[in-house]
Amino acid sequence: KYELDQGVRAVIVKVDMPRAQQAAEADVLIIDSLLSLEVPGKYELDLDLPYLVDENASDAVFDKQKRELTLTLPLKTWTERAYAEARRKVAEQYGTVETEGGKE
């Protein structure tokens, strides 16, 4: 069983895993708008998310009492705007900022 909650900044996925003992059992793969979760021999979930998410800024918390894994997946559009704003502030304060794509 899983729940999906769409916030302004993130998609939150809660997965009930009553047969899991710890978060380390779960293999989670996030690519763009696809979430794949597997606990070998126990659970397998492939989920198309409603938005592109930033897998590099994602977070996971396992509640041992509830045996529930909560994934917080920030929207890629939100993190891109947040990073752009941070780069702009640094450029204002220190001058031009070097990025992977060149100068900004």
N, C-alpha and C. Protein backbone atom coordinates (compact mmCIF):
# COMPACT_ATOMS: atom_id res chain seq x y z
N LYS A 1 0.85 -1.18 0.00
CA LYS A 1 0.00 0.00 0.00
C LYS A 1 0.89 1.23 0.00
N TYR A 2 0.50 2.25 -0.77
CA TYR A 2 1.24 3.50 -0.77
C TYR A 2 0.28 4.67 -0.89
N GLU A 3 0.73 5.84 -0.44
CA GLU A 3 -0.03 7.09 -0.56
C GLU A 3 0.83 8.07 -1.33
N LEU A 4 0.19 8.94 -2.10
CA LEU A 4 0.89 9.96 -2.86
C LEU A 4 0.28 11.30 -2.52
N ASP A 5 1.12 12.24 -2.11
CA ASP A 5 0.64 13.58 -1.76
C ASP A 5 1.47 14.57 -2.54
N GLN A 6 0.80 15.44 -3.28
CA GLN A 6 1.49 16.43 -4.09
C GLN A 6 1.45 17.77 -3.36
N GLY A 7 2.59 18.26 -2.99
CA GLY A 7 2.69 19.58 -2.38
C GLY A 7 3.14 20.58 -3.43
N VAL A 8 3.33 21.80 -2.99
CA VAL A 8 3.79 22.85 -3.90
C VAL A 8 5.24 22.62 -4.30
N ARG A 9 6.03 22.07 -3.38
CA ARG A 9 7.45 21.91 -3.61
C ARG A 9 7.92 20.47 -3.75
N ALA A 10 7.08 19.51 -3.38
CA ALA A 10 7.54 18.12 -3.38
C ALA A 10 6.38 17.15 -3.54
N VAL A 11 6.72 15.96 -3.98
CA VAL A 11 5.79 14.84 -3.98
C VAL A 11 6.21 13.97 -2.79
N ILE A 12 5.25 13.61 -1.96
CA ILE A 12 5.53 12.77 -0.80
C ILE A 12 4.89 11.41 -1.05
N VAL A 13 5.71 10.37 -0.94
CA VAL A 13 5.23 9.01 -1.15
C VAL A 13 5.44 8.25 0.16
N LYS A 14 4.35 7.67 0.68
CA LYS A 14 4.42 6.86 1.89
C LYS A 14 4.09 5.42 1.51
N VAL A 15 5.01 4.52 1.86
CA VAL A 15 4.86 3.11 1.48
C VAL A 15 4.81 2.27 2.75
N ASP A 16 3.70 1.55 2.93
CA ASP A 16 3.59 0.61 4.05
C ASP A 16 4.39 -0.64 3.71
N MET A 17 5.29 -1.02 4.61
CA MET A 17 6.12 -2.20 4.39
C MET A 17 6.16 -3.02 5.68
N PRO A 18 5.03 -3.67 6.04
CA PRO A 18 4.96 -4.38 7.32
C PRO A 18 5.95 -5.53 7.47
N ARG A 19 6.47 -6.06 6.37
CA ARG A 19 7.42 -7.18 6.47
C ARG A 19 8.87 -6.72 6.44
N ALA A 20 9.11 -5.41 6.35
CA ALA A 20 10.48 -4.87 6.35
C ALA A 20 10.89 -4.53 7.78
N GLN A 21 12.15 -4.76 8.09
CA GLN A 21 12.68 -4.48 9.42
C GLN A 21 13.41 -3.14 9.48
N GLN A 22 14.01 -2.74 8.34
CA GLN A 22 14.78 -1.51 8.32
C GLN A 22 14.82 -0.93 6.91
N ALA A 23 15.14 0.36 6.80
CA ALA A 23 15.17 1.05 5.51
C ALA A 23 16.23 0.48 4.58
N ALA A 24 17.32 -0.03 5.15
CA ALA A 24 18.42 -0.55 4.33
C ALA A 24 17.99 -1.73 3.45
N GLU A 25 16.87 -2.35 3.77
CA GLU A 25 16.38 -3.46 2.95
C GLU A 25 15.85 -2.99 1.61
N ALA A 26 15.45 -1.74 1.53
CA ALA A 26 14.79 -1.21 0.33
C ALA A 26 15.79 -0.66 -0.67
N ASP A 27 15.65 -1.07 -1.91
CA ASP A 27 16.40 -0.49 -3.02
C ASP A 27 15.47 0.50 -3.71
N VAL A 28 15.85 1.77 -3.71
CA VAL A 28 15.01 2.82 -4.29
C VAL A 28 15.75 3.44 -5.45
N LEU A 29 15.08 3.56 -6.59
CA LEU A 29 15.63 4.20 -7.77
C LEU A 29 14.63 5.26 -8.22
N ILE A 30 15.14 6.48 -8.39
CA ILE A 30 14.28 7.58 -8.85
C ILE A 30 14.93 8.18 -10.08
N ILE A 31 14.19 8.20 -11.18
CA ILE A 31 14.67 8.81 -12.42
C ILE A 31 13.53 9.65 -12.97
N ASP A 32 13.76 10.97 -12.99
CA ASP A 32 12.78 11.95 -13.50
C ASP A 32 11.42 11.79 -12.82
N SER A 33 10.48 11.12 -13.47
CA SER A 33 9.15 10.97 -12.88
C SER A 33 8.80 9.50 -12.64
N LEU A 34 9.83 8.68 -12.48
CA LEU A 34 9.61 7.26 -12.23
C LEU A 34 10.25 6.88 -10.89
N LEU A 35 9.48 6.23 -10.06
CA LEU A 35 9.96 5.73 -8.78
C LEU A 35 9.88 4.21 -8.81
N SER A 36 11.00 3.57 -8.49
CA SER A 36 11.04 2.12 -8.41
C SER A 36 11.56 1.76 -7.03
N LEU A 37 10.82 0.91 -6.32
CA LEU A 37 11.20 0.49 -4.98
C LEU A 37 11.09 -1.02 -4.90
N GLU A 38 12.13 -1.64 -4.33
CA GLU A 38 12.09 -3.10 -4.18
C GLU A 38 12.73 -3.50 -2.86
N VAL A 39 12.06 -4.38 -2.16
CA VAL A 39 12.63 -5.09 -1.02
C VAL A 39 12.65 -6.53 -1.49
N PRO A 40 13.83 -7.03 -1.86
CA PRO A 40 13.92 -8.35 -2.50
C PRO A 40 13.13 -9.44 -1.76
N GLY A 41 12.28 -10.10 -2.54
CA GLY A 41 11.48 -11.20 -2.01
C GLY A 41 10.26 -10.77 -1.23
N LYS A 42 10.08 -9.45 -1.03
CA LYS A 42 8.96 -8.98 -0.22
C LYS A 42 8.07 -7.97 -0.94
N TYR A 43 8.67 -6.94 -1.52
CA TYR A 43 7.88 -5.87 -2.14
C TYR A 43 8.52 -5.40 -3.43
N GLU A 44 7.66 -4.96 -4.33
CA GLU A 44 8.11 -4.32 -5.56
C GLU A 44 7.07 -3.29 -5.96
N LEU A 45 7.53 -2.07 -6.22
CA LEU A 45 6.63 -0.98 -6.58
C LEU A 45 7.27 -0.16 -7.68
N ASP A 46 6.58 0.00 -8.79
CA ASP A 46 6.97 0.91 -9.86
C ASP A 46 5.85 1.93 -9.98
N LEU A 47 6.21 3.20 -9.85
CA LEU A 47 5.20 4.25 -9.78
C LEU A 47 5.58 5.40 -10.71
N ASP A 48 4.64 5.78 -11.59
CA ASP A 48 4.81 6.98 -12.41
C ASP A 48 4.36 8.16 -11.57
N LEU A 49 5.28 9.08 -11.32
CA LEU A 49 4.98 10.26 -10.51
C LEU A 49 4.33 11.33 -11.39
N PRO A 50 3.54 12.22 -10.80
CA PRO A 50 2.84 13.24 -11.60
C PRO A 50 3.74 14.37 -12.09
N TYR A 51 4.96 14.47 -11.55
CA TYR A 51 5.89 15.54 -11.91
C TYR A 51 7.30 15.00 -11.99
N LEU A 52 8.18 15.75 -12.68
CA LEU A 52 9.60 15.44 -12.64
C LEU A 52 10.12 15.81 -11.26
N VAL A 53 10.89 14.93 -10.65
CA VAL A 53 11.42 15.21 -9.32
C VAL A 53 12.95 15.23 -9.38
N ASP A 54 13.55 15.87 -8.38
CA ASP A 54 15.00 15.99 -8.29
C ASP A 54 15.51 14.87 -7.40
N GLU A 55 15.99 13.80 -8.01
CA GLU A 55 16.45 12.64 -7.24
C GLU A 55 17.64 12.97 -6.34
N ASN A 56 18.41 13.99 -6.71
CA ASN A 56 19.58 14.36 -5.92
C ASN A 56 19.22 15.11 -4.63
N ALA A 57 18.01 15.64 -4.56
CA ALA A 57 17.58 16.38 -3.37
C ALA A 57 16.54 15.60 -2.57
N SER A 58 16.32 14.35 -2.93
CA SER A 58 15.28 13.53 -2.29
C SER A 58 15.72 13.03 -0.92
N ASP A 59 14.73 12.68 -0.09
CA ASP A 59 15.00 12.23 1.27
C ASP A 59 14.09 11.04 1.58
N ALA A 60 14.59 10.13 2.41
CA ALA A 60 13.80 8.96 2.83
C ALA A 60 13.91 8.78 4.33
N VAL A 61 12.77 8.47 4.96
CA VAL A 61 12.72 8.21 6.40
C VAL A 61 11.88 6.96 6.61
N PHE A 62 12.41 6.02 7.42
CA PHE A 62 11.68 4.79 7.72
C PHE A 62 11.23 4.84 9.17
N ASP A 63 9.92 4.72 9.38
CA ASP A 63 9.35 4.67 10.73
C ASP A 63 9.28 3.19 11.13
N LYS A 64 10.16 2.79 12.05
CA LYS A 64 10.24 1.37 12.44
C LYS A 64 8.97 0.88 13.13
N GLN A 65 8.32 1.75 13.91
CA GLN A 65 7.10 1.33 14.60
C GLN A 65 5.96 1.09 13.62
N LYS A 66 5.77 2.01 12.69
CA LYS A 66 4.69 1.87 11.70
C LYS A 66 5.09 0.99 10.53
N ARG A 67 6.41 0.76 10.40
CA ARG A 67 6.95 0.04 9.24
C ARG A 67 6.52 0.73 7.95
N GLU A 68 6.78 2.04 7.93
CA GLU A 68 6.36 2.88 6.81
C GLU A 68 7.56 3.69 6.32
N LEU A 69 7.79 3.67 5.01
CA LEU A 69 8.85 4.44 4.39
C LEU A 69 8.23 5.70 3.78
N THR A 70 8.76 6.86 4.16
CA THR A 70 8.28 8.13 3.61
C THR A 70 9.38 8.73 2.75
N LEU A 71 9.07 8.93 1.47
CA LEU A 71 9.99 9.54 0.53
C LEU A 71 9.52 10.96 0.24
N THR A 72 10.40 11.92 0.40
CA THR A 72 10.11 13.31 0.05
C THR A 72 10.91 13.62 -1.20
N LEU A 73 10.20 13.89 -2.30
CA LEU A 73 10.82 14.05 -3.61
C LEU A 73 10.55 15.48 -4.11
N PRO A 74 11.52 16.39 -3.93
CA PRO A 74 11.31 17.77 -4.37
C PRO A 74 11.08 17.85 -5.88
N LEU A 75 10.17 18.72 -6.28
CA LEU A 75 9.92 18.92 -7.70
C LEU A 75 11.14 19.53 -8.36
N LYS A 76 11.50 19.02 -9.52
CA LYS A 76 12.68 19.51 -10.23
C LYS A 76 12.55 21.00 -10.55
N THR A 77 11.36 21.44 -10.91
CA THR A 77 11.17 22.86 -11.23
C THR A 77 11.43 23.73 -10.01
N TRP A 78 11.05 23.24 -8.81
CA TRP A 78 11.26 24.03 -7.61
C TRP A 78 12.74 24.10 -7.27
N THR A 79 13.45 22.98 -7.32
CA THR A 79 14.87 23.00 -6.97
C THR A 79 15.67 23.81 -7.99
N GLU A 80 15.30 23.73 -9.27
CA GLU A 80 16.00 24.53 -10.28
C GLU A 80 15.83 26.01 -9.99
N ARG A 81 14.61 26.43 -9.61
CA ARG A 81 14.38 27.85 -9.26
C ARG A 81 15.15 28.23 -8.01
N ALA A 82 15.17 27.34 -7.01
CA ALA A 82 15.89 27.62 -5.76
C ALA A 82 17.39 27.74 -6.03
N TYR A 83 17.95 26.85 -6.85
CA TYR A 83 19.38 26.92 -7.18
C TYR A 83 19.69 28.19 -7.97
N ALA A 84 18.82 28.53 -8.92
CA ALA A 84 19.03 29.74 -9.71
C ALA A 84 19.01 30.98 -8.82
N GLU A 85 18.09 31.03 -7.88
CA GLU A 85 18.01 32.16 -6.95
C GLU A 85 19.25 32.23 -6.08
N ALA A 86 19.73 31.10 -5.60
CA ALA A 86 20.95 31.07 -4.78
C ALA A 86 22.15 31.55 -5.59
N ARG A 87 22.26 31.08 -6.84
CA ARG A 87 23.37 31.53 -7.71
C ARG A 87 23.29 33.03 -7.95
N ARG A 88 22.08 33.56 -8.15
CA ARG A 88 21.90 34.99 -8.39
C ARG A 88 22.37 35.80 -7.18
N LYS A 89 22.01 35.34 -5.97
CA LYS A 89 22.42 36.04 -4.75
C LYS A 89 23.93 36.03 -4.57
N VAL A 90 24.56 34.88 -4.86
CA VAL A 90 26.02 34.80 -4.76
C VAL A 90 26.66 35.72 -5.78
N ALA A 91 26.13 35.76 -7.00
CA ALA A 91 26.68 36.62 -8.05
C ALA A 91 26.55 38.09 -7.66
N GLU A 92 25.42 38.46 -7.06
CA GLU A 92 25.24 39.84 -6.61
C GLU A 92 26.27 40.21 -5.55
N GLN A 93 26.54 39.27 -4.66
CA GLN A 93 27.44 39.55 -3.55
C GLN A 93 28.91 39.45 -3.95
N TYR A 94 29.26 38.46 -4.79
CA TYR A 94 30.67 38.19 -5.08
C TYR A 94 31.07 38.37 -6.53
N GLY A 95 30.15 38.65 -7.40
CA GLY A 95 30.47 38.77 -8.82
C GLY A 95 30.02 37.53 -9.59
N THR A 96 30.58 37.33 -10.77
CA THR A 96 30.19 36.23 -11.65
C THR A 96 30.43 34.88 -10.99
N VAL A 97 29.51 33.95 -11.24
CA VAL A 97 29.59 32.60 -10.68
C VAL A 97 29.85 31.62 -11.80
N GLU A 98 30.86 30.76 -11.63
CA GLU A 98 31.15 29.70 -12.59
C GLU A 98 30.23 28.51 -12.32
N THR A 99 29.61 27.98 -13.36
CA THR A 99 28.78 26.79 -13.23
C THR A 99 29.24 25.77 -14.26
N GLU A 100 28.64 24.60 -14.24
CA GLU A 100 29.00 23.56 -15.21
C GLU A 100 28.75 24.02 -16.64
N GLY A 101 27.74 24.83 -16.84
CA GLY A 101 27.39 25.31 -18.18
C GLY A 101 28.15 26.55 -18.61
N GLY A 102 29.00 27.09 -17.74
CA GLY A 102 29.74 28.31 -18.06
C GLY A 102 29.47 29.38 -17.04
N LYS A 103 29.74 30.63 -17.42
CA LYS A 103 29.54 31.75 -16.49
C LYS A 103 28.08 32.16 -16.47
N GLU A 104 27.67 32.66 -15.30
CA GLU A 104 26.31 33.20 -15.17
C GLU A 104 26.42 34.61 -14.72
